[in-house]
Amino acid sequence: MSLCARLNLPSPEEHDCGYNQLGVHMSNPEKDKNVQDETTILHLDKFGPSSPGQPPALPSAEEGMTVFIQRAAAETVQNSKDPIIVPKDAQGLAAQEMLGAVSYAYAKDVFESDRIEQKMLQNPELREKLGDNVPDAQSISKFRKLNRGAIMRTIEKAFRLKRRKEKEELMKPLPGQPATAVPLPPQDGENTVMFSKQQAEQKIENAIIIDNMSRDQ
């Protein structure tokens, strides 16, 4: 399949004003989905391989979900008893990179494999790194099925890091207040662990249901 076809670029002669012959605006689910895609920004290039001769990119000092997923994916790969399996057609990304990219998309509520593929194709930095080896929707779906547990653990760890960061921000003194150093306990509390696990499980369930529905259409 050509790159233009994978990007869903219309031919020049195609035109649709969005109205029927009576002048009534017709809803187009595909266009509505495209609008949603435009408002969901994924920094997937952060999960791509380093350029030849360049060291791996260090996590940004400004912590956000991208950094939390990067750290969680690295920890999951390091501590996993079972290897992360990357389908042959998706081997433009290494195991940790693919795990991070898919987990990050799910954490940002992008569940359909074809949408993840489109997001990757629409990211010029990632395309430059991968060339023609951008994983397709089928490979992404297969990766999710083969590594469901690893994805869930990665998302859970990322949510725990996020909650810890939020607690740290809440404990910072307000302007004019004296600084009081009260470190957080080294282990996350029971509620944090439980809520993070529930969030991760829900993301995985959403991915299974929504991705399967989109592929059946």
N, C-alpha and C. Protein backbone atom coordinates (compact mmCIF):
# COMPACT_ATOMS: atom_id res chain seq x y z
N MET A 1 0.85 -1.20 0.00
CA MET A 1 0.00 0.00 0.00
C MET A 1 0.88 1.24 0.00
N SER A 2 0.54 2.22 -0.81
CA SER A 2 1.35 3.43 -0.91
C SER A 2 1.20 4.27 0.35
N LEU A 3 2.18 5.17 0.57
CA LEU A 3 2.14 6.04 1.73
C LEU A 3 0.91 6.94 1.68
N CYS A 4 0.55 7.44 0.49
CA CYS A 4 -0.63 8.31 0.36
C CYS A 4 -1.90 7.56 0.76
N ALA A 5 -1.96 6.28 0.34
CA ALA A 5 -3.14 5.49 0.68
C ALA A 5 -3.23 5.28 2.18
N ARG A 6 -2.08 5.01 2.83
CA ARG A 6 -2.08 4.80 4.28
C ARG A 6 -2.42 6.08 5.03
N LEU A 7 -2.09 7.22 4.43
CA LEU A 7 -2.43 8.51 5.04
C LEU A 7 -3.85 8.95 4.74
N ASN A 8 -4.58 8.18 3.91
CA ASN A 8 -5.95 8.52 3.54
C ASN A 8 -6.05 9.88 2.86
N LEU A 9 -5.10 10.19 1.98
CA LEU A 9 -5.15 11.47 1.27
C LEU A 9 -6.13 11.36 0.12
N PRO A 10 -7.08 12.31 -0.01
CA PRO A 10 -8.06 12.25 -1.10
C PRO A 10 -7.42 12.60 -2.43
N SER A 11 -7.99 12.08 -3.49
CA SER A 11 -7.54 12.46 -4.83
C SER A 11 -7.99 13.88 -5.12
N PRO A 12 -7.31 14.62 -6.02
CA PRO A 12 -7.63 16.01 -6.26
C PRO A 12 -9.06 16.23 -6.74
N GLU A 13 -9.62 15.23 -7.47
CA GLU A 13 -10.96 15.46 -8.01
C GLU A 13 -12.05 15.21 -6.99
N GLU A 14 -11.71 14.62 -5.82
CA GLU A 14 -12.74 14.35 -4.83
C GLU A 14 -13.13 15.64 -4.14
N HIS A 15 -14.46 15.83 -3.97
CA HIS A 15 -14.93 17.04 -3.31
C HIS A 15 -16.27 16.74 -2.66
N ASP A 16 -16.42 17.16 -1.43
CA ASP A 16 -17.69 16.94 -0.73
C ASP A 16 -17.92 18.15 0.16
N CYS A 17 -18.97 18.91 -0.15
CA CYS A 17 -19.23 20.13 0.62
C CYS A 17 -19.93 19.83 1.92
N GLY A 18 -20.44 18.59 2.10
CA GLY A 18 -21.07 18.23 3.35
C GLY A 18 -22.56 18.50 3.39
N TYR A 19 -23.17 18.89 2.27
CA TYR A 19 -24.60 19.15 2.23
C TYR A 19 -25.24 18.29 1.16
N ASN A 20 -26.53 17.90 1.39
CA ASN A 20 -27.23 17.17 0.36
C ASN A 20 -27.91 18.14 -0.60
N GLN A 21 -28.66 17.61 -1.55
CA GLN A 21 -29.25 18.46 -2.59
C GLN A 21 -30.31 19.41 -2.03
N LEU A 22 -30.85 19.12 -0.85
CA LEU A 22 -31.84 20.00 -0.23
C LEU A 22 -31.20 21.06 0.65
N GLY A 23 -29.91 21.04 0.71
CA GLY A 23 -29.20 22.04 1.52
C GLY A 23 -29.10 21.68 2.98
N VAL A 24 -29.43 20.43 3.33
CA VAL A 24 -29.36 20.01 4.71
C VAL A 24 -27.98 19.41 4.97
N HIS A 25 -27.35 19.87 6.05
CA HIS A 25 -26.02 19.38 6.35
C HIS A 25 -26.10 17.92 6.77
N MET A 26 -25.24 17.08 6.17
CA MET A 26 -25.22 15.66 6.46
C MET A 26 -24.02 15.34 7.35
N SER A 27 -24.28 14.67 8.46
CA SER A 27 -23.20 14.28 9.36
C SER A 27 -22.36 13.19 8.71
N ASN A 28 -21.06 13.33 8.81
CA ASN A 28 -20.14 12.36 8.24
C ASN A 28 -19.28 11.81 9.37
N PRO A 29 -19.55 10.55 9.83
CA PRO A 29 -18.80 10.01 10.97
C PRO A 29 -17.29 10.01 10.74
N GLU A 30 -16.89 9.74 9.48
CA GLU A 30 -15.46 9.71 9.20
C GLU A 30 -14.83 11.09 9.39
N LYS A 31 -15.57 12.14 8.94
CA LYS A 31 -15.05 13.50 9.13
C LYS A 31 -15.06 13.88 10.61
N ASP A 32 -16.11 13.45 11.36
CA ASP A 32 -16.15 13.73 12.78
C ASP A 32 -14.95 13.08 13.48
N LYS A 33 -14.61 11.88 13.05
CA LYS A 33 -13.46 11.19 13.61
C LYS A 33 -12.17 11.94 13.29
N ASN A 34 -12.09 12.48 12.07
CA ASN A 34 -10.90 13.23 11.68
C ASN A 34 -10.74 14.47 12.54
N VAL A 35 -11.89 15.14 12.87
CA VAL A 35 -11.83 16.32 13.74
C VAL A 35 -11.30 15.93 15.11
N GLN A 36 -11.78 14.77 15.63
CA GLN A 36 -11.30 14.30 16.91
C GLN A 36 -9.81 14.00 16.86
N ASP A 37 -9.37 13.40 15.75
CA ASP A 37 -7.95 13.09 15.60
C ASP A 37 -7.11 14.35 15.64
N GLU A 38 -7.63 15.44 15.03
CA GLU A 38 -6.87 16.68 14.98
C GLU A 38 -6.69 17.29 16.36
N THR A 39 -7.62 17.01 17.27
CA THR A 39 -7.53 17.59 18.61
C THR A 39 -6.76 16.70 19.58
N THR A 40 -6.42 15.48 19.18
CA THR A 40 -5.64 14.58 20.02
C THR A 40 -4.21 14.56 19.51
N ILE A 41 -3.32 15.24 20.22
CA ILE A 41 -1.93 15.35 19.79
C ILE A 41 -1.11 14.29 20.52
N LEU A 42 -0.44 13.47 19.75
CA LEU A 42 0.44 12.44 20.32
C LEU A 42 1.88 12.73 19.92
N HIS A 43 2.77 12.75 20.90
CA HIS A 43 4.19 12.98 20.63
C HIS A 43 4.89 11.64 20.44
N LEU A 44 4.46 10.93 19.40
CA LEU A 44 4.96 9.57 19.18
C LEU A 44 6.42 9.54 18.75
N ASP A 45 6.93 10.65 18.24
CA ASP A 45 8.33 10.68 17.85
C ASP A 45 9.25 10.46 19.06
N LYS A 46 8.75 10.72 20.26
CA LYS A 46 9.55 10.50 21.48
C LYS A 46 9.82 9.03 21.71
N PHE A 47 9.06 8.16 21.02
CA PHE A 47 9.23 6.72 21.20
C PHE A 47 9.94 6.08 20.00
N GLY A 48 10.42 6.91 19.09
CA GLY A 48 11.12 6.39 17.93
C GLY A 48 12.58 6.12 18.23
N PRO A 49 13.26 5.40 17.35
CA PRO A 49 14.69 5.12 17.55
C PRO A 49 15.52 6.38 17.36
N SER A 50 16.68 6.38 17.98
CA SER A 50 17.60 7.51 17.80
C SER A 50 18.19 7.47 16.40
N SER A 51 18.50 8.64 15.88
CA SER A 51 19.14 8.71 14.57
C SER A 51 20.54 8.11 14.65
N PRO A 52 21.06 7.55 13.55
CA PRO A 52 22.40 6.95 13.56
C PRO A 52 23.45 7.94 14.05
N GLY A 53 24.26 7.48 14.99
CA GLY A 53 25.33 8.31 15.52
C GLY A 53 24.91 9.23 16.64
N GLN A 54 23.60 9.22 16.98
CA GLN A 54 23.13 10.08 18.06
C GLN A 54 22.78 9.23 19.27
N PRO A 55 23.08 9.73 20.48
CA PRO A 55 22.71 8.97 21.69
C PRO A 55 21.20 8.99 21.88
N PRO A 56 20.64 8.04 22.63
CA PRO A 56 19.20 8.05 22.89
C PRO A 56 18.78 9.34 23.56
N ALA A 57 17.60 9.82 23.18
CA ALA A 57 17.10 11.08 23.74
C ALA A 57 16.80 10.90 25.23
N LEU A 58 17.21 11.88 26.01
CA LEU A 58 16.94 11.85 27.44
C LEU A 58 15.53 12.36 27.70
N PRO A 59 14.86 11.86 28.75
CA PRO A 59 13.53 12.35 29.09
C PRO A 59 13.55 13.85 29.36
N SER A 60 12.47 14.50 29.00
CA SER A 60 12.36 15.94 29.20
C SER A 60 12.30 16.25 30.69
N ALA A 61 12.83 17.42 31.05
CA ALA A 61 12.75 17.85 32.44
C ALA A 61 11.31 18.17 32.83
N GLU A 62 10.48 18.54 31.87
CA GLU A 62 9.07 18.83 32.13
C GLU A 62 8.29 17.53 32.07
N GLU A 63 7.94 17.02 33.24
CA GLU A 63 7.32 15.71 33.31
C GLU A 63 5.87 15.76 32.86
N GLY A 64 5.51 14.81 32.03
CA GLY A 64 4.15 14.66 31.56
C GLY A 64 3.94 13.20 31.21
N MET A 65 2.78 12.89 30.60
CA MET A 65 2.47 11.49 30.32
C MET A 65 3.51 10.86 29.39
N THR A 66 4.06 11.64 28.46
CA THR A 66 5.08 11.09 27.57
C THR A 66 6.27 10.55 28.37
N VAL A 67 6.76 11.34 29.30
CA VAL A 67 7.91 10.94 30.12
C VAL A 67 7.53 9.80 31.05
N PHE A 68 6.34 9.86 31.63
CA PHE A 68 5.91 8.79 32.54
C PHE A 68 5.85 7.45 31.80
N ILE A 69 5.33 7.46 30.58
CA ILE A 69 5.25 6.22 29.80
C ILE A 69 6.64 5.74 29.41
N GLN A 70 7.54 6.66 29.04
CA GLN A 70 8.90 6.27 28.70
C GLN A 70 9.56 5.55 29.87
N ARG A 71 9.44 6.12 31.05
CA ARG A 71 10.05 5.51 32.23
C ARG A 71 9.39 4.16 32.55
N ALA A 72 8.06 4.13 32.46
CA ALA A 72 7.34 2.91 32.79
C ALA A 72 7.66 1.79 31.80
N ALA A 73 7.76 2.13 30.51
CA ALA A 73 8.07 1.11 29.50
C ALA A 73 9.47 0.55 29.72
N ALA A 74 10.43 1.42 30.04
CA ALA A 74 11.80 0.95 30.30
C ALA A 74 11.82 0.01 31.51
N GLU A 75 11.09 0.37 32.55
CA GLU A 75 11.05 -0.47 33.75
C GLU A 75 10.34 -1.80 33.47
N THR A 76 9.28 -1.75 32.68
CA THR A 76 8.55 -2.98 32.36
C THR A 76 9.43 -3.94 31.58
N VAL A 77 10.13 -3.44 30.57
CA VAL A 77 11.01 -4.29 29.77
C VAL A 77 12.12 -4.87 30.62
N GLN A 78 12.69 -4.05 31.50
CA GLN A 78 13.81 -4.50 32.34
C GLN A 78 13.37 -5.58 33.32
N ASN A 79 12.14 -5.47 33.86
CA ASN A 79 11.71 -6.38 34.92
C ASN A 79 10.81 -7.50 34.43
N SER A 80 10.46 -7.50 33.15
CA SER A 80 9.53 -8.50 32.63
C SER A 80 10.18 -9.89 32.59
N LYS A 81 9.46 -10.87 33.09
CA LYS A 81 9.96 -12.25 33.04
C LYS A 81 9.85 -12.80 31.63
N ASP A 82 8.84 -12.36 30.89
CA ASP A 82 8.65 -12.81 29.52
C ASP A 82 9.09 -11.72 28.55
N PRO A 83 9.69 -12.09 27.43
CA PRO A 83 10.13 -11.07 26.46
C PRO A 83 8.95 -10.36 25.81
N ILE A 84 9.16 -9.10 25.46
CA ILE A 84 8.15 -8.34 24.70
C ILE A 84 8.26 -8.78 23.25
N ILE A 85 7.16 -9.25 22.70
CA ILE A 85 7.16 -9.80 21.34
C ILE A 85 6.70 -8.72 20.36
N VAL A 86 7.56 -8.40 19.40
CA VAL A 86 7.23 -7.42 18.37
C VAL A 86 6.98 -8.16 17.06
N PRO A 87 5.79 -8.01 16.46
CA PRO A 87 5.51 -8.67 15.18
C PRO A 87 6.54 -8.28 14.12
N LYS A 88 6.78 -9.18 13.20
CA LYS A 88 7.80 -8.97 12.18
C LYS A 88 7.57 -7.68 11.40
N ASP A 89 6.30 -7.36 11.10
CA ASP A 89 6.00 -6.18 10.30
C ASP A 89 6.12 -4.88 11.09
N ALA A 90 6.39 -4.97 12.38
CA ALA A 90 6.48 -3.76 13.21
C ALA A 90 7.88 -3.56 13.75
N GLN A 91 8.87 -4.23 13.17
CA GLN A 91 10.20 -4.22 13.76
C GLN A 91 11.02 -2.99 13.39
N GLY A 92 10.37 -1.96 12.85
CA GLY A 92 11.03 -0.67 12.75
C GLY A 92 11.24 -0.08 14.13
N LEU A 93 10.42 -0.53 15.09
CA LEU A 93 10.55 -0.11 16.49
C LEU A 93 11.02 -1.28 17.33
N ALA A 94 11.94 -1.01 18.24
CA ALA A 94 12.37 -2.03 19.18
C ALA A 94 11.27 -2.30 20.20
N ALA A 95 11.45 -3.35 20.98
CA ALA A 95 10.40 -3.77 21.92
C ALA A 95 10.00 -2.64 22.87
N GLN A 96 10.98 -1.98 23.48
CA GLN A 96 10.67 -0.92 24.44
C GLN A 96 9.99 0.26 23.75
N GLU A 97 10.41 0.58 22.54
CA GLU A 97 9.82 1.70 21.80
C GLU A 97 8.37 1.40 21.40
N MET A 98 8.13 0.18 20.92
CA MET A 98 6.78 -0.20 20.54
C MET A 98 5.87 -0.26 21.75
N LEU A 99 6.38 -0.80 22.84
CA LEU A 99 5.60 -0.86 24.08
C LEU A 99 5.24 0.54 24.55
N GLY A 100 6.19 1.45 24.49
CA GLY A 100 5.93 2.81 24.90
C GLY A 100 4.93 3.52 24.01
N ALA A 101 5.08 3.35 22.70
CA ALA A 101 4.19 4.03 21.75
C ALA A 101 2.74 3.58 21.90
N VAL A 102 2.52 2.26 21.98
CA VAL A 102 1.16 1.74 22.09
C VAL A 102 0.57 2.10 23.46
N SER A 103 1.34 1.96 24.52
CA SER A 103 0.85 2.31 25.86
C SER A 103 0.51 3.79 25.94
N TYR A 104 1.33 4.62 25.34
CA TYR A 104 1.10 6.06 25.33
C TYR A 104 -0.19 6.40 24.59
N ALA A 105 -0.42 5.77 23.44
CA ALA A 105 -1.65 6.02 22.69
C ALA A 105 -2.87 5.64 23.52
N TYR A 106 -2.83 4.49 24.18
CA TYR A 106 -3.96 4.07 25.01
C TYR A 106 -4.18 5.02 26.17
N ALA A 107 -3.09 5.47 26.79
CA ALA A 107 -3.21 6.40 27.91
C ALA A 107 -3.86 7.72 27.48
N LYS A 108 -3.68 8.07 26.19
CA LYS A 108 -4.26 9.30 25.64
C LYS A 108 -5.60 9.04 24.94
N ASP A 109 -6.19 7.86 25.19
CA ASP A 109 -7.51 7.49 24.66
C ASP A 109 -7.54 7.34 23.15
N VAL A 110 -6.45 6.96 22.56
CA VAL A 110 -6.43 6.59 21.14
C VAL A 110 -6.29 5.07 21.11
N PHE A 111 -7.41 4.38 20.86
CA PHE A 111 -7.47 2.93 21.04
C PHE A 111 -7.43 2.14 19.74
N GLU A 112 -7.94 2.72 18.65
CA GLU A 112 -8.02 1.97 17.40
C GLU A 112 -6.63 1.83 16.78
N SER A 113 -6.31 0.62 16.33
CA SER A 113 -5.00 0.39 15.73
C SER A 113 -4.80 1.24 14.48
N ASP A 114 -5.87 1.43 13.70
CA ASP A 114 -5.72 2.23 12.49
C ASP A 114 -5.47 3.69 12.82
N ARG A 115 -6.04 4.19 13.91
CA ARG A 115 -5.78 5.57 14.33
C ARG A 115 -4.34 5.73 14.81
N ILE A 116 -3.84 4.73 15.54
CA ILE A 116 -2.45 4.80 15.98
C ILE A 116 -1.52 4.81 14.78
N GLU A 117 -1.83 3.96 13.79
CA GLU A 117 -1.03 3.95 12.55
C GLU A 117 -1.05 5.33 11.90
N GLN A 118 -2.24 5.93 11.80
CA GLN A 118 -2.35 7.25 11.18
C GLN A 118 -1.55 8.29 11.95
N LYS A 119 -1.62 8.22 13.28
CA LYS A 119 -0.86 9.17 14.10
C LYS A 119 0.64 9.03 13.86
N MET A 120 1.08 7.79 13.70
CA MET A 120 2.51 7.57 13.41
C MET A 120 2.88 8.12 12.05
N LEU A 121 2.03 7.86 11.06
CA LEU A 121 2.31 8.32 9.70
C LEU A 121 2.28 9.84 9.60
N GLN A 122 1.46 10.47 10.44
CA GLN A 122 1.32 11.92 10.40
C GLN A 122 2.38 12.64 11.22
N ASN A 123 3.28 11.87 11.86
CA ASN A 123 4.34 12.46 12.66
C ASN A 123 5.62 12.50 11.82
N PRO A 124 6.00 13.66 11.29
CA PRO A 124 7.15 13.71 10.37
C PRO A 124 8.46 13.26 11.00
N GLU A 125 8.65 13.56 12.30
CA GLU A 125 9.89 13.15 12.95
C GLU A 125 9.98 11.63 13.05
N LEU A 126 8.86 10.99 13.39
CA LEU A 126 8.87 9.53 13.49
C LEU A 126 9.03 8.89 12.12
N ARG A 127 8.35 9.43 11.10
CA ARG A 127 8.49 8.89 9.75
C ARG A 127 9.91 9.03 9.24
N GLU A 128 10.56 10.13 9.60
CA GLU A 128 11.95 10.31 9.16
C GLU A 128 12.85 9.25 9.79
N LYS A 129 12.57 8.88 11.03
CA LYS A 129 13.39 7.88 11.72
C LYS A 129 13.12 6.47 11.20
N LEU A 130 11.84 6.20 10.85
CA LEU A 130 11.46 4.83 10.50
C LEU A 130 11.41 4.57 9.01
N GLY A 131 11.32 5.63 8.20
CA GLY A 131 11.22 5.43 6.75
C GLY A 131 9.96 4.66 6.40
N ASP A 132 10.13 3.53 5.70
CA ASP A 132 8.99 2.71 5.30
C ASP A 132 8.62 1.68 6.35
N ASN A 133 9.25 1.73 7.52
CA ASN A 133 9.02 0.71 8.55
C ASN A 133 8.06 1.16 9.63
N VAL A 134 7.15 2.08 9.31
CA VAL A 134 6.12 2.49 10.27
C VAL A 134 5.17 1.32 10.48
N PRO A 135 4.94 0.89 11.72
CA PRO A 135 4.04 -0.24 11.95
C PRO A 135 2.63 0.04 11.41
N ASP A 136 2.02 -0.96 10.78
CA ASP A 136 0.67 -0.79 10.27
C ASP A 136 -0.34 -1.24 11.33
N ALA A 137 -1.62 -1.01 11.04
CA ALA A 137 -2.67 -1.27 12.02
C ALA A 137 -2.71 -2.73 12.44
N GLN A 138 -2.52 -3.63 11.48
CA GLN A 138 -2.56 -5.05 11.80
C GLN A 138 -1.45 -5.44 12.77
N SER A 139 -0.26 -4.89 12.56
CA SER A 139 0.87 -5.19 13.46
C SER A 139 0.63 -4.61 14.85
N ILE A 140 0.04 -3.41 14.90
CA ILE A 140 -0.23 -2.78 16.19
C ILE A 140 -1.26 -3.59 16.97
N SER A 141 -2.31 -4.05 16.28
CA SER A 141 -3.32 -4.88 16.91
C SER A 141 -2.72 -6.19 17.40
N LYS A 142 -1.86 -6.79 16.60
CA LYS A 142 -1.21 -8.05 16.98
C LYS A 142 -0.30 -7.83 18.19
N PHE A 143 0.41 -6.70 18.20
CA PHE A 143 1.29 -6.40 19.33
C PHE A 143 0.48 -6.31 20.62
N ARG A 144 -0.68 -5.66 20.56
CA ARG A 144 -1.53 -5.53 21.74
C ARG A 144 -1.96 -6.90 22.26
N LYS A 145 -2.32 -7.80 21.34
CA LYS A 145 -2.77 -9.14 21.74
C LYS A 145 -1.63 -9.95 22.35
N LEU A 146 -0.43 -9.79 21.81
CA LEU A 146 0.71 -10.57 22.29
C LEU A 146 1.28 -10.05 23.60
N ASN A 147 1.05 -8.76 23.90
CA ASN A 147 1.72 -8.12 25.04
C ASN A 147 0.74 -7.37 25.93
N ARG A 148 -0.46 -7.91 26.06
CA ARG A 148 -1.50 -7.22 26.84
C ARG A 148 -1.03 -6.93 28.26
N GLY A 149 -0.44 -7.94 28.92
CA GLY A 149 0.00 -7.75 30.30
C GLY A 149 1.06 -6.68 30.43
N ALA A 150 2.02 -6.66 29.52
CA ALA A 150 3.10 -5.67 29.58
C ALA A 150 2.57 -4.26 29.35
N ILE A 151 1.61 -4.13 28.42
CA ILE A 151 1.01 -2.81 28.17
C ILE A 151 0.28 -2.32 29.41
N MET A 152 -0.49 -3.22 30.03
CA MET A 152 -1.24 -2.83 31.22
C MET A 152 -0.30 -2.42 32.35
N ARG A 153 0.79 -3.18 32.55
CA ARG A 153 1.74 -2.82 33.60
C ARG A 153 2.39 -1.48 33.32
N THR A 154 2.68 -1.21 32.05
CA THR A 154 3.30 0.07 31.68
C THR A 154 2.36 1.23 31.96
N ILE A 155 1.10 1.09 31.56
CA ILE A 155 0.13 2.16 31.80
C ILE A 155 -0.09 2.36 33.29
N GLU A 156 -0.19 1.25 34.04
CA GLU A 156 -0.39 1.35 35.49
C GLU A 156 0.77 2.11 36.14
N LYS A 157 1.99 1.76 35.78
CA LYS A 157 3.16 2.44 36.35
C LYS A 157 3.17 3.92 35.98
N ALA A 158 2.77 4.23 34.75
CA ALA A 158 2.74 5.63 34.32
C ALA A 158 1.72 6.43 35.12
N PHE A 159 0.56 5.84 35.38
CA PHE A 159 -0.45 6.53 36.18
C PHE A 159 0.01 6.71 37.62
N ARG A 160 0.76 5.75 38.14
CA ARG A 160 1.29 5.90 39.49
C ARG A 160 2.32 7.03 39.54
N LEU A 161 3.17 7.12 38.52
CA LEU A 161 4.13 8.23 38.45
C LEU A 161 3.40 9.57 38.34
N LYS A 162 2.32 9.58 37.58
CA LYS A 162 1.54 10.81 37.42
C LYS A 162 0.92 11.25 38.75
N ARG A 163 0.34 10.30 39.48
CA ARG A 163 -0.28 10.62 40.77
C ARG A 163 0.77 11.09 41.77
N ARG A 164 1.94 10.47 41.74
CA ARG A 164 3.02 10.89 42.64
C ARG A 164 3.46 12.32 42.33
N LYS A 165 3.57 12.62 41.03
CA LYS A 165 3.94 13.98 40.63
C LYS A 165 2.89 14.99 41.08
N GLU A 166 1.63 14.64 40.95
CA GLU A 166 0.55 15.54 41.37
C GLU A 166 0.60 15.79 42.87
N LYS A 167 0.91 14.74 43.65
CA LYS A 167 1.02 14.90 45.10
C LYS A 167 2.18 15.83 45.44
N GLU A 168 3.30 15.67 44.73
CA GLU A 168 4.46 16.53 44.97
C GLU A 168 4.11 17.99 44.70
N GLU A 169 3.34 18.23 43.64
CA GLU A 169 2.95 19.60 43.31
C GLU A 169 2.03 20.18 44.39
N LEU A 170 1.13 19.35 44.93
CA LEU A 170 0.21 19.81 45.96
C LEU A 170 0.94 20.14 47.27
N MET A 171 2.06 19.48 47.50
CA MET A 171 2.79 19.68 48.75
C MET A 171 3.74 20.87 48.68
N LYS A 172 3.89 21.47 47.51
CA LYS A 172 4.76 22.64 47.40
C LYS A 172 4.12 23.82 48.13
N PRO A 173 4.92 24.61 48.86
CA PRO A 173 4.35 25.76 49.58
C PRO A 173 3.86 26.84 48.62
N LEU A 174 2.82 27.54 49.03
CA LEU A 174 2.32 28.66 48.25
C LEU A 174 3.28 29.84 48.37
N PRO A 175 3.20 30.80 47.42
CA PRO A 175 4.09 31.97 47.51
C PRO A 175 3.94 32.67 48.86
N GLY A 176 5.07 32.95 49.50
CA GLY A 176 5.06 33.62 50.79
C GLY A 176 5.06 32.67 51.97
N GLN A 177 4.78 31.38 51.73
CA GLN A 177 4.80 30.41 52.82
C GLN A 177 6.20 29.83 52.98
N PRO A 178 6.56 29.47 54.20
CA PRO A 178 7.89 28.86 54.40
C PRO A 178 7.96 27.48 53.75
N ALA A 179 9.12 27.16 53.24
CA ALA A 179 9.31 25.86 52.60
C ALA A 179 9.47 24.80 53.67
N THR A 180 8.66 23.77 53.57
CA THR A 180 8.75 22.67 54.52
C THR A 180 8.99 21.38 53.72
N ALA A 181 10.13 20.79 53.92
CA ALA A 181 10.49 19.59 53.17
C ALA A 181 9.86 18.36 53.83
N VAL A 182 8.76 17.90 53.23
CA VAL A 182 8.09 16.70 53.71
C VAL A 182 8.12 15.69 52.57
N PRO A 183 9.11 14.81 52.54
CA PRO A 183 9.22 13.88 51.41
C PRO A 183 8.08 12.87 51.39
N LEU A 184 7.71 12.47 50.20
CA LEU A 184 6.70 11.44 50.06
C LEU A 184 7.30 10.09 50.45
N PRO A 185 6.48 9.18 50.95
CA PRO A 185 7.00 7.85 51.28
C PRO A 185 7.51 7.16 50.02
N PRO A 186 8.51 6.30 50.16
CA PRO A 186 9.11 5.65 48.97
C PRO A 186 8.13 4.76 48.22
N GLN A 187 7.14 4.21 48.92
CA GLN A 187 6.16 3.33 48.29
C GLN A 187 4.84 4.06 48.12
N ASP A 188 4.17 3.79 46.99
CA ASP A 188 2.86 4.38 46.76
C ASP A 188 1.84 3.77 47.72
N GLY A 189 0.85 4.60 48.11
CA GLY A 189 -0.18 4.12 49.01
C GLY A 189 -1.11 3.12 48.36
N GLU A 190 -1.88 2.44 49.17
CA GLU A 190 -2.80 1.41 48.67
C GLU A 190 -3.81 1.98 47.69
N ASN A 191 -4.33 3.17 47.99
CA ASN A 191 -5.32 3.78 47.09
C ASN A 191 -4.71 4.11 45.74
N THR A 192 -3.49 4.65 45.76
CA THR A 192 -2.82 4.98 44.50
C THR A 192 -2.62 3.74 43.65
N VAL A 193 -2.17 2.66 44.27
CA VAL A 193 -1.95 1.41 43.55
C VAL A 193 -3.26 0.88 42.98
N MET A 194 -4.31 0.91 43.78
CA MET A 194 -5.59 0.37 43.35
C MET A 194 -6.18 1.19 42.20
N PHE A 195 -6.20 2.51 42.36
CA PHE A 195 -6.79 3.37 41.33
C PHE A 195 -6.00 3.30 40.03
N SER A 196 -4.68 3.26 40.13
CA SER A 196 -3.85 3.19 38.93
C SER A 196 -4.07 1.88 38.19
N LYS A 197 -4.21 0.80 38.94
CA LYS A 197 -4.47 -0.51 38.32
C LYS A 197 -5.83 -0.51 37.64
N GLN A 198 -6.84 0.07 38.29
CA GLN A 198 -8.17 0.13 37.70
C GLN A 198 -8.17 0.96 36.42
N GLN A 199 -7.45 2.09 36.44
CA GLN A 199 -7.36 2.93 35.25
C GLN A 199 -6.71 2.18 34.10
N ALA A 200 -5.63 1.46 34.39
CA ALA A 200 -4.92 0.72 33.35
C ALA A 200 -5.80 -0.39 32.78
N GLU A 201 -6.49 -1.11 33.66
CA GLU A 201 -7.37 -2.18 33.19
C GLU A 201 -8.47 -1.63 32.30
N GLN A 202 -9.01 -0.45 32.65
CA GLN A 202 -10.06 0.15 31.84
C GLN A 202 -9.54 0.56 30.47
N LYS A 203 -8.33 1.09 30.42
CA LYS A 203 -7.74 1.47 29.14
C LYS A 203 -7.59 0.25 28.23
N ILE A 204 -7.13 -0.86 28.79
CA ILE A 204 -6.94 -2.07 27.99
C ILE A 204 -8.28 -2.60 27.50
N GLU A 205 -9.29 -2.62 28.39
CA GLU A 205 -10.61 -3.10 27.98
C GLU A 205 -11.18 -2.22 26.88
N ASN A 206 -11.01 -0.90 27.01
CA ASN A 206 -11.48 0.02 25.96
C ASN A 206 -10.79 -0.27 24.64
N ALA A 207 -9.48 -0.51 24.71
CA ALA A 207 -8.73 -0.78 23.49
C ALA A 207 -9.23 -2.04 22.80
N ILE A 208 -9.48 -3.09 23.58
CA ILE A 208 -9.95 -4.35 23.00
C ILE A 208 -11.29 -4.16 22.33
N ILE A 209 -12.23 -3.51 23.04
CA ILE A 209 -13.59 -3.36 22.51
C ILE A 209 -13.61 -2.42 21.31
N ILE A 210 -13.02 -1.23 21.45
CA ILE A 210 -13.10 -0.22 20.40
C ILE A 210 -12.29 -0.64 19.17
N ASP A 211 -11.12 -1.22 19.40
CA ASP A 211 -10.30 -1.64 18.25
C ASP A 211 -10.99 -2.76 17.48
N ASN A 212 -11.56 -3.72 18.19
CA ASN A 212 -12.26 -4.81 17.51
C ASN A 212 -13.47 -4.29 16.75
N MET A 213 -14.21 -3.34 17.33
CA MET A 213 -15.37 -2.77 16.66
C MET A 213 -14.96 -2.04 15.39
N SER A 214 -13.89 -1.27 15.46
CA SER A 214 -13.43 -0.49 14.30
C SER A 214 -12.96 -1.41 13.17
N ARG A 215 -12.37 -2.54 13.53
CA ARG A 215 -11.85 -3.45 12.51
C ARG A 215 -12.96 -4.32 11.91
N ASP A 216 -14.11 -4.43 12.62
CA ASP A 216 -15.24 -5.20 12.08
C ASP A 216 -16.07 -4.39 11.11
N GLN A 217 -15.90 -3.05 11.13
CA GLN A 217 -16.72 -2.19 10.26
C GLN A 217 -16.26 -2.29 8.81
